[in-house]
PDB file of N, CA and C in Angstrom:
ATOM      1  N   MET A   1      18.680   2.089  -0.864  1.00  0.00           N
ATOM      2  CA  MET A   1      17.583   1.601  -0.758  1.00  0.00           C
ATOM      3  C   MET A   1      16.406   2.904  -1.537  1.00  0.00           C
ATOM      4  N   VAL A   2      15.315   2.412  -2.220  1.00  0.00           N
ATOM      5  CA  VAL A   2      15.038   3.357  -2.887  1.00  0.00           C
ATOM      6  C   VAL A   2      13.397   3.140  -1.929  1.00  0.00           C
ATOM      7  N   LYS A   3      13.022   4.355  -1.611  1.00  0.00           N
ATOM      8  CA  LYS A   3      11.892   4.142  -0.767  1.00  0.00           C
ATOM      9  C   LYS A   3      10.951   4.704  -1.779  1.00  0.00           C
ATOM     10  N   THR A   4       9.994   4.118  -1.328  1.00  0.00           N
ATOM     11  CA  THR A   4       8.268   4.000  -2.081  1.00  0.00           C
ATOM     12  C   THR A   4       7.221   4.104  -1.481  1.00  0.00           C
ATOM     13  N   VAL A   5       6.235   4.476  -2.261  1.00  0.00           N
ATOM     14  CA  VAL A   5       5.193   4.681  -1.482  1.00  0.00           C
ATOM     15  C   VAL A   5       4.027   3.987  -2.196  1.00  0.00           C
ATOM     16  N   VAL A   6       3.145   2.872  -1.636  1.00  0.00           N
ATOM     17  CA  VAL A   6       2.679   1.804  -1.998  1.00  0.00           C
ATOM     18  C   VAL A   6       0.969   2.498  -2.212  1.00  0.00           C
ATOM     19  N   LEU A   7       0.216   2.487  -2.991  1.00  0.00           N
ATOM     20  CA  LEU A   7      -1.114   2.973  -3.205  1.00  0.00           C
ATOM     21  C   LEU A   7      -2.013   1.240  -3.320  1.00  0.00           C
ATOM     22  N   VAL A   8      -2.377   1.035  -2.379  1.00  0.00           N
ATOM     23  CA  VAL A   8      -3.832  -0.190  -2.113  1.00  0.00           C
ATOM     24  C   VAL A   8      -5.240   0.342  -1.977  1.00  0.00           C
ATOM     25  N   SER A   9      -5.865  -0.197  -3.058  1.00  0.00           N
ATOM     26  CA  SER A   9      -7.598   0.104  -2.844  1.00  0.00           C
ATOM     27  C   SER A   9      -7.995  -1.078  -2.297  1.00  0.00           C
ATOM     28  N   CYS A  10      -8.875  -0.839  -1.250  1.00  0.00           N
ATOM     29  CA  CYS A  10      -9.838  -1.796  -0.863  1.00  0.00           C
ATOM     30  C   CYS A  10     -11.170  -1.858  -0.754  1.00  0.00           C
ATOM     31  N   GLU A  11     -11.482  -2.763  -0.660  1.00  0.00           N
ATOM     32  CA  GLU A  11     -13.305  -3.144  -1.103  1.00  0.00           C
ATOM     33  C   GLU A  11     -14.105  -2.473   0.286  1.00  0.00           C
ATOM     34  N   THR A  12     -13.439  -2.617   1.125  1.00  0.00           N
ATOM     35  CA  THR A  12     -14.274  -2.515   2.893  1.00  0.00           C
ATOM     36  C   THR A  12     -13.200  -1.862   3.471  1.00  0.00           C
ATOM     37  N   GLU A  13     -13.699  -0.897   4.640  1.00  0.00           N
ATOM     38  CA  GLU A  13     -12.859  -0.211   5.848  1.00  0.00           C
ATOM     39  C   GLU A  13     -12.370  -1.749   6.535  1.00  0.00           C
ATOM     40  N   SER A  14     -12.914  -2.376   6.862  1.00  0.00           N
ATOM     41  CA  SER A  14     -12.474  -3.548   7.704  1.00  0.00           C
ATOM     42  C   SER A  14     -10.760  -4.394   7.377  1.00  0.00           C
ATOM     43  N   THR A  15     -10.861  -4.555   5.879  1.00  0.00           N
ATOM     44  CA  THR A  15     -10.199  -5.017   5.299  1.00  0.00           C
ATOM     45  C   THR A  15      -8.741  -4.389   5.116  1.00  0.00           C
ATOM     46  N   ALA A  16      -8.874  -2.801   4.677  1.00  0.00           N
ATOM     47  CA  ALA A  16      -8.264  -1.614   5.089  1.00  0.00           C
ATOM     48  C   ALA A  16      -7.671  -1.722   6.233  1.00  0.00           C
ATOM     49  N   LYS A  17      -8.031  -1.800   7.618  1.00  0.00           N
ATOM     50  CA  LYS A  17      -7.818  -1.746   8.681  1.00  0.00           C
ATOM     51  C   LYS A  17      -6.837  -3.010   8.801  1.00  0.00           C
ATOM     52  N   ILE A  18      -7.424  -3.941   8.249  1.00  0.00           N
ATOM     53  CA  ILE A  18      -6.367  -5.805   8.508  1.00  0.00           C
ATOM     54  C   ILE A  18      -5.028  -5.641   7.734  1.00  0.00           C
ATOM     55  N   ILE A  19      -4.985  -5.121   6.535  1.00  0.00           N
ATOM     56  CA  ILE A  19      -3.301  -4.874   6.057  1.00  0.00           C
ATOM     57  C   ILE A  19      -2.688  -4.100   6.410  1.00  0.00           C
ATOM     58  N   ALA A  20      -3.426  -2.564   6.729  1.00  0.00           N
ATOM     59  CA  ALA A  20      -2.673  -1.783   7.283  1.00  0.00           C
ATOM     60  C   ALA A  20      -1.820  -2.332   8.282  1.00  0.00           C
ATOM     61  N   ASN A  21      -2.779  -2.864   9.461  1.00  0.00           N
ATOM     62  CA  ASN A  21      -2.168  -3.292  10.770  1.00  0.00           C
ATOM     63  C   ASN A  21      -0.840  -4.605  10.447  1.00  0.00           C
ATOM     64  N   GLN A  22      -1.107  -5.203   9.567  1.00  0.00           N
ATOM     65  CA  GLN A  22      -0.232  -6.700   9.112  1.00  0.00           C
ATOM     66  C   GLN A  22       0.746  -6.205   8.704  1.00  0.00           C
ATOM     67  N   LEU A  23       0.731  -5.049   7.789  1.00  0.00           N
ATOM     68  CA  LEU A  23       2.187  -4.665   6.844  1.00  0.00           C
ATOM     69  C   LEU A  23       2.913  -3.699   8.237  1.00  0.00           C
ATOM     70  N   ILE A  24       2.568  -3.595   8.825  1.00  0.00           N
ATOM     71  CA  ILE A  24       3.274  -2.474   9.776  1.00  0.00           C
ATOM     72  C   ILE A  24       3.652  -3.760  11.028  1.00  0.00           C
ATOM     73  N   SER A  25       2.773  -4.609  11.453  1.00  0.00           N
ATOM     74  CA  SER A  25       3.267  -5.504  12.475  1.00  0.00           C
ATOM     75  C   SER A  25       4.262  -6.314  11.981  1.00  0.00           C
ATOM     76  N   ASN A  26       3.948  -6.598  10.851  1.00  0.00           N
ATOM     77  CA  ASN A  26       5.456  -7.870   9.840  1.00  0.00           C
ATOM     78  C   ASN A  26       5.985  -6.347   9.272  1.00  0.00           C
ATOM     79  N   ASN A  27       6.684  -5.749   9.446  1.00  0.00           N
ATOM     80  CA  ASN A  27       7.854  -4.909   9.220  1.00  0.00           C
ATOM     81  C   ASN A  27       7.465  -4.773   7.597  1.00  0.00           C
ATOM     82  N   MET A  28       6.367  -4.648   6.724  1.00  0.00           N
ATOM     83  CA  MET A  28       6.851  -4.506   5.647  1.00  0.00           C
ATOM     84  C   MET A  28       6.392  -3.278   5.195  1.00  0.00           C
ATOM     85  N   ALA A  29       5.894  -1.964   6.182  1.00  0.00           N
ATOM     86  CA  ALA A  29       5.691  -0.905   6.146  1.00  0.00           C
ATOM     87  C   ALA A  29       6.062   0.223   7.534  1.00  0.00           C
ATOM     88  N   VAL A  30       6.718   1.061   6.930  1.00  0.00           N
ATOM     89  CA  VAL A  30       7.020   1.999   8.383  1.00  0.00           C
ATOM     90  C   VAL A  30       5.888   2.725   8.521  1.00  0.00           C
ATOM     91  N   SER A  31       5.018   3.511   7.640  1.00  0.00           N
ATOM     92  CA  SER A  31       3.681   3.988   7.987  1.00  0.00           C
ATOM     93  C   SER A  31       2.308   3.519   7.110  1.00  0.00           C
ATOM     94  N   VAL A  32       1.377   3.688   7.553  1.00  0.00           N
ATOM     95  CA  VAL A  32       0.349   3.258   6.678  1.00  0.00           C
ATOM     96  C   VAL A  32      -0.754   4.031   6.951  1.00  0.00           C
ATOM     97  N   SER A  33      -1.673   4.824   5.788  1.00  0.00           N
ATOM     98  CA  SER A  33      -2.462   6.171   6.118  1.00  0.00           C
ATOM     99  C   SER A  33      -3.587   5.254   5.642  1.00  0.00           C
ATOM    100  N   ILE A  34      -4.679   5.481   5.794  1.00  0.00           N
ATOM    101  CA  ILE A  34      -6.145   4.925   5.136  1.00  0.00           C
ATOM    102  C   ILE A  34      -7.089   6.306   4.849  1.00  0.00           C
ATOM    103  N   ILE A  35      -7.051   6.515   3.866  1.00  0.00           N
ATOM    104  CA  ILE A  35      -8.247   7.597   3.198  1.00  0.00           C
ATOM    105  C   ILE A  35      -9.710   6.752   2.677  1.00  0.00           C
ATOM    106  N   ASN A  36     -10.823   6.600   3.829  1.00  0.00           N
ATOM    107  CA  ASN A  36     -11.873   6.263   3.363  1.00  0.00           C
ATOM    108  C   ASN A  36     -12.706   6.543   2.693  1.00  0.00           C
ATOM    109  N   GLU A  37     -13.365   6.028   1.810  1.00  0.00           N
ATOM    110  CA  GLU A  37     -14.177   6.228   1.160  1.00  0.00           C
ATOM    111  C   GLU A  37     -13.995   7.343  -0.080  1.00  0.00           C
ATOM    112  N   VAL A  38     -12.992   6.879  -0.856  1.00  0.00           N
ATOM    113  CA  VAL A  38     -12.576   7.486  -1.996  1.00  0.00           C
ATOM    114  C   VAL A  38     -13.536   6.810  -3.144  1.00  0.00           C
ATOM    115  N   LYS A  39     -13.822   7.796  -3.818  1.00  0.00           N
ATOM    116  CA  LYS A  39     -15.151   7.610  -5.400  1.00  0.00           C
ATOM    117  C   LYS A  39     -13.462   7.291  -6.377  1.00  0.00           C
ATOM    118  N   SER A  40     -14.529   5.964  -6.992  1.00  0.00           N
ATOM    119  CA  SER A  40     -13.589   5.175  -7.789  1.00  0.00           C
ATOM    120  C   SER A  40     -14.208   5.373  -9.222  1.00  0.00           C
ATOM    121  N   ILE A  41     -14.071   5.867 -10.126  1.00  0.00           N
ATOM    122  CA  ILE A  41     -15.136   5.439 -11.477  1.00  0.00           C
ATOM    123  C   ILE A  41     -13.879   4.857 -12.460  1.00  0.00           C
ATOM    124  N   THR A  42     -14.068   3.343 -12.850  1.00  0.00           N
ATOM    125  CA  THR A  42     -13.233   2.894 -13.996  1.00  0.00           C
ATOM    126  C   THR A  42     -14.081   2.046 -14.726  1.00  0.00           C
ATOM    127  N   ARG A  43     -13.493   1.401 -15.787  1.00  0.00           N
ATOM    128  CA  ARG A  43     -14.097   1.180 -16.907  1.00  0.00           C
ATOM    129  C   ARG A  43     -13.927  -0.193 -16.308  1.00  0.00           C
ATOM    130  N   GLY A  44     -15.246  -0.557 -16.666  1.00  0.00           N
ATOM    131  CA  GLY A  44     -15.835  -2.383 -16.565  1.00  0.00           C
ATOM    132  C   GLY A  44     -15.426  -3.610 -17.635  1.00  0.00           C
ATOM    133  N   GLU A  45     -15.472  -4.407 -17.590  1.00  0.00           N
ATOM    134  CA  GLU A  45     -14.856  -5.606 -18.700  1.00  0.00           C
ATOM    135  C   GLU A  45     -15.846  -5.487 -20.000  1.00  0.00           C
ATOM    136  N   GLU A  46     -17.097  -4.950 -19.602  1.00  0.00           N
ATOM    137  CA  GLU A  46     -18.033  -5.257 -20.902  1.00  0.00           C
ATOM    138  C   GLU A  46     -18.367  -3.336 -21.461  1.00  0.00           C
ATOM    139  N   GLY A  47     -16.992  -2.417 -21.010  1.00  0.00           N
ATOM    140  CA  GLY A  47     -16.835  -1.044 -21.382  1.00  0.00           C
ATOM    141  C   GLY A  47     -18.022  -0.266 -20.918  1.00  0.00           C
ATOM    142  N   GLU A  48     -18.586  -0.832 -19.594  1.00  0.00           N
ATOM    143  CA  GLU A  48     -19.342   0.326 -18.809  1.00  0.00           C
ATOM    144  C   GLU A  48     -18.273   1.268 -17.919  1.00  0.00           C
ATOM    145  N   LEU A  49     -18.873   2.270 -17.607  1.00  0.00           N
ATOM    146  CA  LEU A  49     -18.815   2.900 -16.242  1.00  0.00           C
ATOM    147  C   LEU A  49     -18.876   2.096 -15.272  1.00  0.00           C
ATOM    148  N   VAL A  50     -18.147   2.026 -14.108  1.00  0.00           N
ATOM    149  CA  VAL A  50     -18.415   1.566 -12.940  1.00  0.00           C
ATOM    150  C   VAL A  50     -17.805   2.395 -11.923  1.00  0.00           C
ATOM    151  N   GLU A  51     -18.582   3.047 -10.778  1.00  0.00           N
ATOM    152  CA  GLU A  51     -18.685   3.602  -9.874  1.00  0.00           C
ATOM    153  C   GLU A  51     -18.623   2.825  -8.464  1.00  0.00           C
ATOM    154  N   SER A  52     -17.759   3.282  -7.555  1.00  0.00           N
ATOM    155  CA  SER A  52     -17.909   2.560  -6.459  1.00  0.00           C
ATOM    156  C   SER A  52     -16.880   3.261  -5.311  1.00  0.00           C
ATOM    157  N   ASN A  53     -17.225   2.737  -4.209  1.00  0.00           N
ATOM    158  CA  ASN A  53     -16.718   3.465  -3.004  1.00  0.00           C
ATOM    159  C   ASN A  53     -15.523   2.715  -2.735  1.00  0.00           C
ATOM    160  N   GLN A  54     -14.312   3.076  -2.159  1.00  0.00           N
ATOM    161  CA  GLN A  54     -13.103   2.316  -2.256  1.00  0.00           C
ATOM    162  C   GLN A  54     -12.593   2.808  -1.017  1.00  0.00           C
ATOM    163  N   ASN A  55     -11.448   2.127  -0.095  1.00  0.00           N
ATOM    164  CA  ASN A  55     -10.804   2.634   0.880  1.00  0.00           C
ATOM    165  C   ASN A  55      -9.263   2.536   0.589  1.00  0.00           C
ATOM    166  N   LEU A  56      -8.708   3.581   0.346  1.00  0.00           N
ATOM    167  CA  LEU A  56      -7.154   3.852  -0.238  1.00  0.00           C
ATOM    168  C   LEU A  56      -6.017   3.814   1.498  1.00  0.00           C
ATOM    169  N   LEU A  57      -5.213   2.722   1.065  1.00  0.00           N
ATOM    170  CA  LEU A  57      -4.029   2.680   1.817  1.00  0.00           C
ATOM    171  C   LEU A  57      -2.681   3.406   0.982  1.00  0.00           C
ATOM    172  N   LEU A  58      -2.049   4.009   1.856  1.00  0.00           N
ATOM    173  CA  LEU A  58      -0.925   4.623   1.455  1.00  0.00           C
ATOM    174  C   LEU A  58       0.504   4.129   2.493  1.00  0.00           C
ATOM    175  N   ALA A  59       0.760   3.244   1.946  1.00  0.00           N
ATOM    176  CA  ALA A  59       2.257   2.518   2.604  1.00  0.00           C
ATOM    177  C   ALA A  59       3.450   3.104   2.268  1.00  0.00           C
ATOM    178  N   GLU A  60       4.394   3.499   2.743  1.00  0.00           N
ATOM    179  CA  GLU A  60       5.632   3.912   3.020  1.00  0.00           C
ATOM    180  C   GLU A  60       6.400   3.131   3.126  1.00  0.00           C
ATOM    181  N   THR A  61       7.684   2.493   2.237  1.00  0.00           N
ATOM    182  CA  THR A  61       8.349   1.396   2.463  1.00  0.00           C
ATOM    183  C   THR A  61       9.479   1.346   1.706  1.00  0.00           C
ATOM    184  N   ASP A  62      10.420   0.061   1.878  1.00  0.00           N
ATOM    185  CA  ASP A  62      11.579   0.014   1.115  1.00  0.00           C
ATOM    186  C   ASP A  62      11.197  -0.802  -0.377  1.00  0.00           C
ATOM    187  N   GLU A  63      11.807  -0.313  -0.930  1.00  0.00           N
ATOM    188  CA  GLU A  63      11.572  -1.051  -2.961  1.00  0.00           C
ATOM    189  C   GLU A  63      11.567  -2.812  -2.176  1.00  0.00           C
ATOM    190  N   THR A  64      12.740  -3.030  -1.417  1.00  0.00           N
ATOM    191  CA  THR A  64      13.315  -4.499  -1.408  1.00  0.00           C
ATOM    192  C   THR A  64      11.746  -5.159  -0.514  1.00  0.00           C
ATOM    193  N   LEU A  65      10.984  -4.533   0.148  1.00  0.00           N
ATOM    194  CA  LEU A  65       9.855  -5.180   0.858  1.00  0.00           C
ATOM    195  C   LEU A  65       8.631  -5.484  -0.112  1.00  0.00           C
ATOM    196  N   LEU A  66       8.861  -4.837  -1.736  1.00  0.00           N
ATOM    197  CA  LEU A  66       7.632  -5.048  -2.518  1.00  0.00           C
ATOM    198  C   LEU A  66       7.527  -6.113  -2.510  1.00  0.00           C
ATOM    199  N   PRO A  67       8.099  -7.349  -2.938  1.00  0.00           N
ATOM    200  CA  PRO A  67       7.607  -8.917  -3.145  1.00  0.00           C
ATOM    201  C   PRO A  67       6.419  -9.567  -2.125  1.00  0.00           C
ATOM    202  N   LYS A  68       7.467  -9.019  -1.072  1.00  0.00           N
ATOM    203  CA  LYS A  68       6.590  -9.511   0.246  1.00  0.00           C
ATOM    204  C   LYS A  68       5.298  -8.666   0.573  1.00  0.00           C
ATOM    205  N   LEU A  69       5.411  -7.641   0.549  1.00  0.00           N
ATOM    206  CA  LEU A  69       3.583  -6.882   0.883  1.00  0.00           C
ATOM    207  C   LEU A  69       2.945  -6.907  -0.516  1.00  0.00           C
ATOM    208  N   VAL A  70       3.424  -7.314  -1.945  1.00  0.00           N
ATOM    209  CA  VAL A  70       2.255  -7.457  -2.598  1.00  0.00           C
ATOM    210  C   VAL A  70       1.896  -8.719  -2.313  1.00  0.00           C
ATOM    211  N   ASP A  71       2.830  -9.780  -2.494  1.00  0.00           N
ATOM    212  CA  ASP A  71       1.972 -11.294  -1.961  1.00  0.00           C
ATOM    213  C   ASP A  71       0.963 -11.447  -0.497  1.00  0.00           C
ATOM    214  N   PHE A  72       1.561 -10.483   0.434  1.00  0.00           N
ATOM    215  CA  PHE A  72       0.654 -10.632   1.430  1.00  0.00           C
ATOM    216  C   PHE A  72      -0.737  -9.659   1.214  1.00  0.00           C
ATOM    217  N   ILE A  73      -0.738  -8.788   0.663  1.00  0.00           N
ATOM    218  CA  ILE A  73      -1.532  -7.893   0.597  1.00  0.00           C
ATOM    219  C   ILE A  73      -2.865  -9.029  -0.527  1.00  0.00           C
ATOM    220  N   SER A  74      -2.068  -9.564  -1.919  1.00  0.00           N
ATOM    221  CA  SER A  74      -2.664 -10.263  -2.685  1.00  0.00           C
ATOM    222  C   SER A  74      -3.636 -11.022  -1.907  1.00  0.00           C
ATOM    223  N   SER A  75      -3.172 -11.800  -0.702  1.00  0.00           N
ATOM    224  CA  SER A  75      -3.929 -13.591  -0.138  1.00  0.00           C
ATOM    225  C   SER A  75      -5.071 -12.874   0.679  1.00  0.00           C
ATOM    226  N   ILE A  76      -5.340 -10.959   0.682  1.00  0.00           N
ATOM    227  CA  ILE A  76      -6.334 -10.919   1.357  1.00  0.00           C
ATOM    228  C   ILE A  76      -7.256 -10.142   0.158  1.00  0.00           C
ATOM    229  N   SER A  77      -6.678  -9.562  -0.106  1.00  0.00           N
ATOM    230  CA  SER A  77      -7.656  -8.642  -1.186  1.00  0.00           C
ATOM    231  C   SER A  77      -8.377  -9.453  -2.371  1.00  0.00           C
ATOM    232  N   ASN A  78      -9.861  -9.019  -1.999  1.00  0.00           N
ATOM    233  CA  ASN A  78     -10.769  -9.738  -2.823  1.00  0.00           C
ATOM    234  C   ASN A  78     -11.024  -9.309  -4.580  1.00  0.00           C
ATOM    235  N   TYR A  79     -10.083  -8.081  -4.708  1.00  0.00           N
ATOM    236  CA  TYR A  79     -10.030  -7.150  -6.225  1.00  0.00           C
ATOM    237  C   TYR A  79      -9.453  -8.758  -7.311  1.00  0.00           C
ATOM    238  N   LYS A  80      -9.881  -8.299  -7.901  1.00  0.00           N
ATOM    239  CA  LYS A  80      -9.467  -9.237  -9.273  1.00  0.00           C
ATOM    240  C   LYS A  80      -9.130  -8.220 -10.594  1.00  0.00           C
ATOM    241  N   PRO A  81      -8.333  -8.199 -11.045  1.00  0.00           N
ATOM    242  CA  PRO A  81      -6.819  -8.130 -10.542  1.00  0.00           C
ATOM    243  C   PRO A  81      -6.980  -7.186  -9.096  1.00  0.00           C
ATOM    244  N   LYS A  82      -5.716  -7.320  -8.615  1.00  0.00           N
ATOM    245  CA  LYS A  82      -5.356  -6.749  -7.395  1.00  0.00           C
ATOM    246  C   LYS A  82      -4.751  -5.384  -7.817  1.00  0.00           C
ATOM    247  N   LYS A  83      -5.102  -4.259  -6.700  1.00  0.00           N
ATOM    248  CA  LYS A  83      -5.094  -3.094  -7.179  1.00  0.00           C
ATOM    249  C   LYS A  83      -4.112  -2.684  -6.085  1.00  0.00           C
ATOM    250  N   ILE A  84      -2.476  -2.670  -6.825  1.00  0.00           N
ATOM    251  CA  ILE A  84      -1.355  -2.359  -5.905  1.00  0.00           C
ATOM    252  C   ILE A  84      -0.603  -1.542  -7.124  1.00  0.00           C
ATOM    253  N   ILE A  85      -0.314  -0.525  -6.398  1.00  0.00           N
ATOM    254  CA  ILE A  85       0.769   0.575  -7.288  1.00  0.00           C
ATOM    255  C   ILE A  85       1.791   0.851  -6.761  1.00  0.00           C
ATOM    256  N   ALA A  86       3.150   0.906  -6.954  1.00  0.00           N
ATOM    257  CA  ALA A  86       4.123   1.214  -6.403  1.00  0.00           C
ATOM    258  C   ALA A  86       5.280   2.273  -6.663  1.00  0.00           C
ATOM    259  N   LEU A  87       4.938   3.145  -6.401  1.00  0.00           N
ATOM    260  CA  LEU A  87       5.622   4.624  -6.810  1.00  0.00           C
ATOM    261  C   LEU A  87       7.194   4.966  -6.173  1.00  0.00           C
ATOM    262  N   PRO A  88       8.401   5.124  -6.912  1.00  0.00           N
ATOM    263  CA  PRO A  88       9.002   5.403  -5.786  1.00  0.00           C
ATOM    264  C   PRO A  88       9.318   6.943  -5.874  1.00  0.00           C
ATOM    265  N   ILE A  89       9.884   7.209  -4.298  1.00  0.00           N
ATOM    266  CA  ILE A  89       9.984   8.258  -3.785  1.00  0.00           C
ATOM    267  C   ILE A  89      11.180   9.400  -4.244  1.00  0.00           C
ATOM    268  N   SER A  90      11.224  10.359  -4.981  1.00  0.00           N
ATOM    269  CA  SER A  90      12.208  11.105  -5.675  1.00  0.00           C
ATOM    270  C   SER A  90      12.190  11.837  -4.767  1.00  0.00           C
ATOM    271  N   GLY A  91      11.444  12.556  -4.022  1.00  0.00           N
ATOM    272  CA  GLY A  91      12.005  13.635  -2.944  1.00  0.00           C
ATOM    273  C   GLY A  91      11.063  13.930  -1.618  1.00  0.00           C
ATOM    274  N   GLY A  92      11.346  14.618  -0.837  1.00  0.00           N
ATOM    275  CA  GLY A  92      10.030  14.862   0.346  1.00  0.00           C
ATOM    276  C   GLY A  92      11.054  15.861   1.324  1.00  0.00           C
ATOM    277  N   SER A  93      10.728  15.627   2.218  1.00  0.00           N
ATOM    278  CA  SER A  93      11.164  15.695   3.721  1.00  0.00           C
ATOM    279  C   SER A  93      12.312  14.695   3.824  1.00  0.00           C
ATOM    280  N   TRP A  94      13.625  15.244   3.941  1.00  0.00           N
ATOM    281  CA  TRP A  94      14.759  14.543   3.715  1.00  0.00           C
ATOM    282  C   TRP A  94      14.842  13.781   5.511  1.00  0.00           C
ATOM    283  N   ASP A  95      14.329  14.429   6.144  1.00  0.00           N
ATOM    284  CA  ASP A  95      14.676  13.774   7.476  1.00  0.00           C
ATOM    285  C   ASP A  95      13.630  12.804   7.567  1.00  0.00           C
ATOM    286  N   TYR A  96      12.197  12.792   6.940  1.00  0.00           N
ATOM    287  CA  TYR A  96      11.537  11.679   6.867  1.00  0.00           C
ATOM    288  C   TYR A  96      11.846  10.661   6.227  1.00  0.00           C
ATOM    289  N   LEU A  97      12.451  10.829   4.913  1.00  0.00           N
ATOM    290  CA  LEU A  97      13.002   9.665   4.156  1.00  0.00           C
ATOM    291  C   LEU A  97      13.971   8.944   4.612  1.00  0.00           C
ATOM    292  N   ASP A  98      14.904   9.692   5.864  1.00  0.00           N
ATOM    293  CA  ASP A  98      15.843   8.821   6.252  1.00  0.00           C
ATOM    294  C   ASP A  98      15.634   8.068   7.382  1.00  0.00           C
ATOM    295  N   TRP A  99      14.507   8.507   8.154  1.00  0.00           N
ATOM    296  CA  TRP A  99      13.813   7.633   8.816  1.00  0.00           C
ATOM    297  C   TRP A  99      12.840   6.501   8.180  1.00  0.00           C
ATOM    298  N   VAL A 100      12.629   7.016   7.182  1.00  0.00           N
ATOM    299  CA  VAL A 100      11.941   5.687   6.518  1.00  0.00           C
ATOM    300  C   VAL A 100      13.177   4.565   6.311  1.00  0.00           C
ATOM    301  N   SER A 101      14.340   5.173   5.844  1.00  0.00           N
ATOM    302  CA  SER A 101      15.681   3.817   5.068  1.00  0.00           C
ATOM    303  C   SER A 101      16.216   3.377   6.671  1.00  0.00           C
ATOM    304  N   LYS A 102      15.733   4.005   7.441  1.00  0.00           N
ATOM    305  CA  LYS A 102      16.707   3.524   9.401  1.00  0.00           C
ATOM    306  C   LYS A 102      15.885   2.637   9.382  1.00  0.00           C
ATOM    307  N   VAL A 103      14.644   2.702   9.664  1.00  0.00           N
ATOM    308  CA  VAL A 103      13.264   1.540   9.917  1.00  0.00           C
ATOM    309  C   VAL A 103      13.223   0.506   9.164  1.00  0.00           C
ATOM    310  N   THR A 104      13.347   0.845   7.888  1.00  0.00           N
ATOM    311  CA  THR A 104      13.250  -0.640   6.699  1.00  0.00           C
ATOM    312  C   THR A 104      14.788  -1.158   6.678  1.00  0.00           C
ATOM    313  N   SER A 105      15.803  -0.970   6.988  1.00  0.00           N
ATOM    314  CA  SER A 105      16.733  -1.281   7.050  1.00  0.00           C
ATOM    315  C   SER A 105      17.047  -2.208   8.265  1.00  0.00           C
ATOM    316  N   LYS A 106      16.705  -1.462   9.315  1.00  0.00           N
ATOM    317  CA  LYS A 106      16.559  -2.428  10.660  1.00  0.00           C
ATOM    318  C   LYS A 106      15.923  -3.942  10.483  1.00  0.00           C
ATOM    319  N   LYS A 107      14.994  -3.622   9.583  1.00  0.00           N
ATOM    320  CA  LYS A 107      13.950  -4.738   9.875  1.00  0.00           C
ATOM    321  C   LYS A 107      14.035  -5.888   8.405  1.00  0.00           C
ATOM    322  N   ASN A 108      14.886  -5.217   7.311  1.00  0.00           N
ATOM    323  CA  ASN A 108      15.454  -6.026   6.867  1.00  0.00           C
ATOM    324  C   ASN A 108      16.733  -7.203   7.329  1.00  0.00           C
ATOM    325  N   LYS A 109      17.100  -6.449   8.303  1.00  0.00           N
ATOM    326  CA  LYS A 109      18.340  -7.642   8.959  1.00  0.00           C
ATOM    327  C   LYS A 109      17.491  -8.038   9.515  1.00  0.00           C
ATOM    328  N   GLY A 110      16.451  -8.003  10.240  1.00  0.00           N
ATOM    329  CA  GLY A 110      15.916  -8.950  11.368  1.00  0.00           C
ATOM    330  C   GLY A 110      15.131  -9.884  10.700  1.00  0.00           C
TER     331      GLY A 110
END
């Protein structure tokens, strides 16, 4: 199983909390961190620079859970297009990564 970190941008803190709680409650992630008030500078559809405050979620999961996780977030998020990016974890604390594997494999079987 490939451990994965998923980055999700949310417009509001309340949406970020709802998504984080549901990802944990529904066994789609083993841990979700919320970073509030992240400054984002993007290019708009007309080519203009758009500055906004967002709330960033960092969710640790297994790649096998990504389709379910992305579908769930897409059903709640107001962003168009949805701001969801998944990155494979290539290293880190092996104790922690083993724990992520154990928790997500239990949840996948149940």
